[in-house]
Amino acid sequence: MFLLLPLLVAAVFLYLWLSRRNSTLTRVCRWRQERAAGQWRCAACGAVQTGDVAPRDCLRLRN
């Protein structure tokens, strides 16, 4: 019983770490779907990407 809580906490952090590795999104990225146009537009920087699945990469220009 005493090992259950630390194992649960470790599993949650492992899941969050693994899911973060496959994405370059930041807090600034806000993708909004435009269904009529069949594209996604970033509300923060205005980048556009086509497709039905939400983007997993930040397209913001690096300065």
C-alpha atoms as a PDB file:
ATOM      1  CA  MET A   1       0.000   0.000   0.000  1.00  0.00           C
ATOM      2  CA  PHE A   2       2.829   2.386   0.834  1.00  0.00           C
ATOM      3  CA  LEU A   3       4.446   1.762  -2.551  1.00  0.00           C
ATOM      4  CA  LEU A   4       1.268   2.430  -4.499  1.00  0.00           C
ATOM      5  CA  LEU A   5       1.298   6.229  -4.191  1.00  0.00           C
ATOM      6  CA  PRO A   6       4.978   6.730  -5.193  1.00  0.00           C
ATOM      7  CA  LEU A   7       4.500   4.335  -8.127  1.00  0.00           C
ATOM      8  CA  LEU A   8       1.405   6.224  -9.233  1.00  0.00           C
ATOM      9  CA  VAL A   9       3.205   9.576  -9.054  1.00  0.00           C
ATOM     10  CA  ALA A  10       6.174   8.169 -10.989  1.00  0.00           C
ATOM     11  CA  ALA A  11       3.849   6.737 -13.654  1.00  0.00           C
ATOM     12  CA  VAL A  12       2.096  10.096 -14.109  1.00  0.00           C
ATOM     13  CA  PHE A  13       5.394  11.973 -14.511  1.00  0.00           C
ATOM     14  CA  LEU A  14       6.659   9.325 -16.947  1.00  0.00           C
ATOM     15  CA  TYR A  15       3.501   9.653 -19.049  1.00  0.00           C
ATOM     16  CA  LEU A  16       3.749  13.465 -19.107  1.00  0.00           C
ATOM     17  CA  TRP A  17       7.421  13.328 -20.055  1.00  0.00           C
ATOM     18  CA  LEU A  18       6.864  10.829 -22.882  1.00  0.00           C
ATOM     19  CA  SER A  19       3.903  12.751 -24.312  1.00  0.00           C
ATOM     20  CA  ARG A  20       5.898  16.016 -24.251  1.00  0.00           C
ATOM     21  CA  ARG A  21       8.799  14.513 -26.217  1.00  0.00           C
ATOM     22  CA  ASN A  22       6.675  14.137 -29.364  1.00  0.00           C
ATOM     23  CA  SER A  23       5.607  17.773 -29.518  1.00  0.00           C
ATOM     24  CA  THR A  24       7.240  21.176 -29.937  1.00  0.00           C
ATOM     25  CA  LEU A  25       4.160  23.083 -28.808  1.00  0.00           C
ATOM     26  CA  THR A  26       4.519  25.749 -26.137  1.00  0.00           C
ATOM     27  CA  ARG A  27       2.006  27.621 -24.012  1.00  0.00           C
ATOM     28  CA  VAL A  28       1.910  30.303 -26.693  1.00  0.00           C
ATOM     29  CA  CYS A  29       0.615  27.895 -29.382  1.00  0.00           C
ATOM     30  CA  ARG A  30      -3.172  28.001 -29.728  1.00  0.00           C
ATOM     31  CA  TRP A  31      -4.326  26.034 -32.758  1.00  0.00           C
ATOM     32  CA  ARG A  32      -7.913  26.695 -33.900  1.00  0.00           C
ATOM     33  CA  GLN A  33      -9.604  24.574 -36.538  1.00  0.00           C
ATOM     34  CA  GLU A  34     -11.214  26.286 -39.522  1.00  0.00           C
ATOM     35  CA  ARG A  35     -13.426  23.463 -40.788  1.00  0.00           C
ATOM     36  CA  ALA A  36     -14.786  25.308 -43.824  1.00  0.00           C
ATOM     37  CA  ALA A  37     -11.261  25.904 -45.121  1.00  0.00           C
ATOM     38  CA  GLY A  38      -9.941  22.497 -43.969  1.00  0.00           C
ATOM     39  CA  GLN A  39      -7.020  23.995 -42.070  1.00  0.00           C
ATOM     40  CA  TRP A  40      -5.679  24.898 -38.642  1.00  0.00           C
ATOM     41  CA  ARG A  41      -4.617  28.446 -37.735  1.00  0.00           C
ATOM     42  CA  CYS A  42      -2.491  29.485 -34.756  1.00  0.00           C
ATOM     43  CA  ALA A  43      -4.241  32.215 -32.782  1.00  0.00           C
ATOM     44  CA  ALA A  44      -0.902  33.495 -31.423  1.00  0.00           C
ATOM     45  CA  CYS A  45       1.253  33.837 -34.547  1.00  0.00           C
ATOM     46  CA  GLY A  46      -1.116  33.234 -37.476  1.00  0.00           C
ATOM     47  CA  ALA A  47       0.659  30.151 -38.861  1.00  0.00           C
ATOM     48  CA  VAL A  48      -1.511  27.909 -41.049  1.00  0.00           C
ATOM     49  CA  GLN A  49      -1.382  24.135 -41.453  1.00  0.00           C
ATOM     50  CA  THR A  50      -3.737  21.932 -43.468  1.00  0.00           C
ATOM     51  CA  GLY A  51      -5.219  18.629 -42.339  1.00  0.00           C
ATOM     52  CA  ASP A  52      -7.859  17.108 -40.097  1.00  0.00           C
ATOM     53  CA  VAL A  53      -5.617  16.341 -37.103  1.00  0.00           C
ATOM     54  CA  ALA A  54      -4.469  19.039 -34.676  1.00  0.00           C
ATOM     55  CA  PRO A  55      -0.821  20.060 -35.306  1.00  0.00           C
ATOM     56  CA  ARG A  56       1.852  18.858 -32.855  1.00  0.00           C
ATOM     57  CA  ASP A  57       4.573  21.272 -33.970  1.00  0.00           C
ATOM     58  CA  CYS A  58       5.065  24.965 -33.346  1.00  0.00           C
ATOM     59  CA  LEU A  59       5.492  26.878 -36.610  1.00  0.00           C
ATOM     60  CA  ARG A  60       6.359  30.189 -34.973  1.00  0.00           C
ATOM     61  CA  LEU A  61       9.368  31.957 -36.485  1.00  0.00           C
ATOM     62  CA  ARG A  62      12.397  31.999 -34.237  1.00  0.00           C
ATOM     63  CA  ASN A  63      14.042  35.427 -33.870  1.00  0.00           C
END
